[in-house]
Amino acid sequence: LKVARERSGDILSTPGEMEAVKRAYEKKMRDLEEENEILKKAMHIFTQPKP
């Protein structure tokens, strides 16, 4: 089953391998979304006009 490839070029042939890669990418996406929210809040704080 040639559905996905890792960066190394290895073919992921089992559903278990594909699920593990999917979970890893989903975790990375959640981490990036969380980091993005933190950065948005920081930008909001630093771009406020000074009294």
PDB file of N, CA and C in Angstrom:
ATOM      1  N   LEU A   1       0.860  -1.180   0.000  1.00  0.00           N
ATOM      2  CA  LEU A   1       0.000   0.000   0.000  1.00  0.00           C
ATOM      3  C   LEU A   1       0.894   1.228   0.000  1.00  0.00           C
ATOM      4  N   LYS A   2       0.928   1.966  -1.098  1.00  0.00           N
ATOM      5  CA  LYS A   2       1.787   3.150  -1.212  1.00  0.00           C
ATOM      6  C   LYS A   2       0.954   4.399  -1.011  1.00  0.00           C
ATOM      7  N   VAL A   3       0.586   4.665   0.238  1.00  0.00           N
ATOM      8  CA  VAL A   3      -0.285   5.795   0.528  1.00  0.00           C
ATOM      9  C   VAL A   3       0.516   6.997   0.990  1.00  0.00           C
ATOM     10  N   ALA A   4       1.512   6.769   1.820  1.00  0.00           N
ATOM     11  CA  ALA A   4       2.276   7.884   2.383  1.00  0.00           C
ATOM     12  C   ALA A   4       3.751   7.532   2.381  1.00  0.00           C
ATOM     13  N   ARG A   5       4.580   8.557   2.384  1.00  0.00           N
ATOM     14  CA  ARG A   5       6.025   8.355   2.448  1.00  0.00           C
ATOM     15  C   ARG A   5       6.585   9.196   3.572  1.00  0.00           C
ATOM     16  N   GLU A   6       7.549   8.636   4.269  1.00  0.00           N
ATOM     17  CA  GLU A   6       8.259   9.424   5.269  1.00  0.00           C
ATOM     18  C   GLU A   6       9.312  10.245   4.538  1.00  0.00           C
ATOM     19  N   ARG A   7       9.919  11.180   5.236  1.00  0.00           N
ATOM     20  CA  ARG A   7      10.940  12.015   4.603  1.00  0.00           C
ATOM     21  C   ARG A   7      12.123  11.193   4.126  1.00  0.00           C
ATOM     22  N   SER A   8      12.378  10.089   4.781  1.00  0.00           N
ATOM     23  CA  SER A   8      13.497   9.242   4.384  1.00  0.00           C
ATOM     24  C   SER A   8      13.215   8.526   3.069  1.00  0.00           C
ATOM     25  N   GLY A   9      11.964   8.539   2.646  1.00  0.00           N
ATOM     26  CA  GLY A   9      11.602   7.890   1.396  1.00  0.00           C
ATOM     27  C   GLY A   9      11.075   6.480   1.587  1.00  0.00           C
ATOM     28  N   ASP A  10      11.057   5.997   2.833  1.00  0.00           N
ATOM     29  CA  ASP A  10      10.538   4.656   3.083  1.00  0.00           C
ATOM     30  C   ASP A  10       9.028   4.647   2.879  1.00  0.00           C
ATOM     31  N   ILE A  11       8.550   3.580   2.288  1.00  0.00           N
ATOM     32  CA  ILE A  11       7.111   3.459   2.065  1.00  0.00           C
ATOM     33  C   ILE A  11       6.476   2.891   3.329  1.00  0.00           C
ATOM     34  N   LEU A  12       5.428   3.532   3.781  1.00  0.00           N
ATOM     35  CA  LEU A  12       4.698   3.047   4.949  1.00  0.00           C
ATOM     36  C   LEU A  12       3.688   2.029   4.458  1.00  0.00           C
ATOM     37  N   SER A  13       3.886   0.774   4.840  1.00  0.00           N
ATOM     38  CA  SER A  13       3.061  -0.262   4.242  1.00  0.00           C
ATOM     39  C   SER A  13       1.998  -0.822   5.166  1.00  0.00           C
ATOM     40  N   THR A  14       2.104  -0.573   6.459  1.00  0.00           N
ATOM     41  CA  THR A  14       1.093  -1.144   7.344  1.00  0.00           C
ATOM     42  C   THR A  14       0.214  -0.044   7.915  1.00  0.00           C
ATOM     43  N   PRO A  15      -1.021  -0.385   8.224  1.00  0.00           N
ATOM     44  CA  PRO A  15      -1.907   0.612   8.845  1.00  0.00           C
ATOM     45  C   PRO A  15      -1.332   1.144  10.156  1.00  0.00           C
ATOM     46  N   GLY A  16      -0.642   0.300  10.915  1.00  0.00           N
ATOM     47  CA  GLY A  16      -0.040   0.739  12.169  1.00  0.00           C
ATOM     48  C   GLY A  16       1.022   1.801  11.954  1.00  0.00           C
ATOM     49  N   GLU A  17       1.858   1.604  10.930  1.00  0.00           N
ATOM     50  CA  GLU A  17       2.886   2.601  10.617  1.00  0.00           C
ATOM     51  C   GLU A  17       2.251   3.913  10.185  1.00  0.00           C
ATOM     52  N   MET A  18       1.240   3.827   9.348  1.00  0.00           N
ATOM     53  CA  MET A  18       0.572   5.041   8.872  1.00  0.00           C
ATOM     54  C   MET A  18      -0.117   5.762  10.021  1.00  0.00           C
ATOM     55  N   GLU A  19      -0.723   5.011  10.936  1.00  0.00           N
ATOM     56  CA  GLU A  19      -1.407   5.617  12.086  1.00  0.00           C
ATOM     57  C   GLU A  19      -0.407   6.313  13.001  1.00  0.00           C
ATOM     58  N   ALA A  20       0.755   5.708  13.204  1.00  0.00           N
ATOM     59  CA  ALA A  20       1.778   6.314  14.056  1.00  0.00           C
ATOM     60  C   ALA A  20       2.266   7.633  13.464  1.00  0.00           C
ATOM     61  N   VAL A  21       2.484   7.656  12.159  1.00  0.00           N
ATOM     62  CA  VAL A  21       2.926   8.884  11.500  1.00  0.00           C
ATOM     63  C   VAL A  21       1.821   9.933  11.576  1.00  0.00           C
ATOM     64  N   LYS A  22       0.588   9.512  11.373  1.00  0.00           N
ATOM     65  CA  LYS A  22      -0.549  10.433  11.448  1.00  0.00           C
ATOM     66  C   LYS A  22      -0.642  11.061  12.835  1.00  0.00           C
ATOM     67  N   ARG A  23      -0.517  10.237  13.886  1.00  0.00           N
ATOM     68  CA  ARG A  23      -0.573  10.764  15.260  1.00  0.00           C
ATOM     69  C   ARG A  23       0.559  11.749  15.513  1.00  0.00           C
ATOM     70  N   ALA A  24       1.751  11.444  15.016  1.00  0.00           N
ATOM     71  CA  ALA A  24       2.891  12.340  15.215  1.00  0.00           C
ATOM     72  C   ALA A  24       2.642  13.683  14.535  1.00  0.00           C
ATOM     73  N   TYR A  25       2.110  13.654  13.311  1.00  0.00           N
ATOM     74  CA  TYR A  25       1.825  14.913  12.610  1.00  0.00           C
ATOM     75  C   TYR A  25       0.684  15.679  13.277  1.00  0.00           C
ATOM     76  N   GLU A  26      -0.314  14.968  13.797  1.00  0.00           N
ATOM     77  CA  GLU A  26      -1.408  15.644  14.503  1.00  0.00           C
ATOM     78  C   GLU A  26      -0.895  16.326  15.767  1.00  0.00           C
ATOM     79  N   LYS A  27       0.018  15.670  16.486  1.00  0.00           N
ATOM     80  CA  LYS A  27       0.594  16.275  17.690  1.00  0.00           C
ATOM     81  C   LYS A  27       1.408  17.506  17.318  1.00  0.00           C
ATOM     82  N   LYS A  28       2.184  17.392  16.255  1.00  0.00           N
ATOM     83  CA  LYS A  28       2.985  18.536  15.818  1.00  0.00           C
ATOM     84  C   LYS A  28       2.069  19.701  15.439  1.00  0.00           C
ATOM     85  N   MET A  29       0.963  19.409  14.775  1.00  0.00           N
ATOM     86  CA  MET A  29       0.011  20.451  14.391  1.00  0.00           C
ATOM     87  C   MET A  29      -0.586  21.118  15.624  1.00  0.00           C
ATOM     88  N   ARG A  30      -0.974  20.327  16.623  1.00  0.00           N
ATOM     89  CA  ARG A  30      -1.511  20.908  17.861  1.00  0.00           C
ATOM     90  C   ARG A  30      -0.473  21.790  18.545  1.00  0.00           C
ATOM     91  N   ASP A  31       0.775  21.322  18.584  1.00  0.00           N
ATOM     92  CA  ASP A  31       1.844  22.117  19.200  1.00  0.00           C
ATOM     93  C   ASP A  31       2.032  23.440  18.465  1.00  0.00           C
ATOM     94  N   LEU A  32       2.006  23.402  17.140  1.00  0.00           N
ATOM     95  CA  LEU A  32       2.169  24.629  16.358  1.00  0.00           C
ATOM     96  C   LEU A  32       0.988  25.571  16.543  1.00  0.00           C
ATOM     97  N   GLU A  33      -0.219  25.022  16.621  1.00  0.00           N
ATOM     98  CA  GLU A  33      -1.397  25.867  16.851  1.00  0.00           C
ATOM     99  C   GLU A  33      -1.314  26.544  18.214  1.00  0.00           C
ATOM    100  N   GLU A  34      -0.859  25.805  19.221  1.00  0.00           N
ATOM    101  CA  GLU A  34      -0.714  26.376  20.563  1.00  0.00           C
ATOM    102  C   GLU A  34       0.352  27.476  20.563  1.00  0.00           C
ATOM    103  N   GLU A  35       1.465  27.214  19.909  1.00  0.00           N
ATOM    104  CA  GLU A  35       2.525  28.223  19.817  1.00  0.00           C
ATOM    105  C   GLU A  35       2.023  29.465  19.087  1.00  0.00           C
ATOM    106  N   ASN A  36       1.245  29.263  18.041  1.00  0.00           N
ATOM    107  CA  ASN A  36       0.693  30.377  17.284  1.00  0.00           C
ATOM    108  C   ASN A  36      -0.203  31.246  18.165  1.00  0.00           C
ATOM    109  N   GLU A  37      -1.043  30.621  18.987  1.00  0.00           N
ATOM    110  CA  GLU A  37      -1.920  31.377  19.882  1.00  0.00           C
ATOM    111  C   GLU A  37      -1.104  32.185  20.890  1.00  0.00           C
ATOM    112  N   ILE A  38      -0.045  31.600  21.417  1.00  0.00           N
ATOM    113  CA  ILE A  38       0.818  32.310  22.366  1.00  0.00           C
ATOM    114  C   ILE A  38       1.451  33.519  21.686  1.00  0.00           C
ATOM    115  N   LEU A  39       1.936  33.329  20.472  1.00  0.00           N
ATOM    116  CA  LEU A  39       2.563  34.438  19.744  1.00  0.00           C
ATOM    117  C   LEU A  39       1.557  35.533  19.408  1.00  0.00           C
ATOM    118  N   LYS A  40       0.320  35.145  19.072  1.00  0.00           N
ATOM    119  CA  LYS A  40      -0.719  36.150  18.803  1.00  0.00           C
ATOM    120  C   LYS A  40      -0.967  37.008  20.036  1.00  0.00           C
ATOM    121  N   LYS A  41      -1.059  36.355  21.206  1.00  0.00           N
ATOM    122  CA  LYS A  41      -1.283  37.094  22.449  1.00  0.00           C
ATOM    123  C   LYS A  41      -0.117  38.024  22.747  1.00  0.00           C
ATOM    124  N   ALA A  42       1.097  37.548  22.530  1.00  0.00           N
ATOM    125  CA  ALA A  42       2.277  38.381  22.776  1.00  0.00           C
ATOM    126  C   ALA A  42       2.288  39.575  21.834  1.00  0.00           C
ATOM    127  N   MET A  43       1.971  39.358  20.568  1.00  0.00           N
ATOM    128  CA  MET A  43       1.935  40.473  19.615  1.00  0.00           C
ATOM    129  C   MET A  43       0.890  41.490  20.029  1.00  0.00           C
ATOM    130  N   HIS A  44      -0.252  41.007  20.500  1.00  0.00           N
ATOM    131  CA  HIS A  44      -1.319  41.906  20.928  1.00  0.00           C
ATOM    132  C   HIS A  44      -0.836  42.778  22.092  1.00  0.00           C
ATOM    133  N   ILE A  45      -0.144  42.166  23.034  1.00  0.00           N
ATOM    134  CA  ILE A  45       0.369  42.906  24.192  1.00  0.00           C
ATOM    135  C   ILE A  45       1.394  43.950  23.757  1.00  0.00           C
ATOM    136  N   PHE A  46       2.317  43.558  22.888  1.00  0.00           N
ATOM    137  CA  PHE A  46       3.403  44.459  22.504  1.00  0.00           C
ATOM    138  C   PHE A  46       2.988  45.525  21.496  1.00  0.00           C
ATOM    139  N   THR A  47       1.835  45.357  20.869  1.00  0.00           N
ATOM    140  CA  THR A  47       1.399  46.366  19.897  1.00  0.00           C
ATOM    141  C   THR A  47       0.371  47.324  20.478  1.00  0.00           C
ATOM    142  N   GLN A  48       0.059  47.172  21.752  1.00  0.00           N
ATOM    143  CA  GLN A  48      -0.869  48.098  22.400  1.00  0.00           C
ATOM    144  C   GLN A  48      -0.204  49.464  22.538  1.00  0.00           C
ATOM    145  N   PRO A  49      -0.958  50.531  22.299  1.00  0.00           N
ATOM    146  CA  PRO A  49      -0.382  51.868  22.484  1.00  0.00           C
ATOM    147  C   PRO A  49      -0.030  52.087  23.951  1.00  0.00           C
ATOM    148  N   LYS A  50       1.081  52.745  24.170  1.00  0.00           N
ATOM    149  CA  LYS A  50       1.507  53.013  25.547  1.00  0.00           C
ATOM    150  C   LYS A  50       0.734  54.196  26.098  1.00  0.00           C
ATOM    151  N   PRO A  51       0.281  54.087  27.352  1.00  0.00           N
ATOM    152  CA  PRO A  51      -0.517  55.182  27.942  1.00  0.00           C
ATOM    153  C   PRO A  51       0.320  56.413  28.239  1.00  0.00           C
TER     154      PRO A  51
END
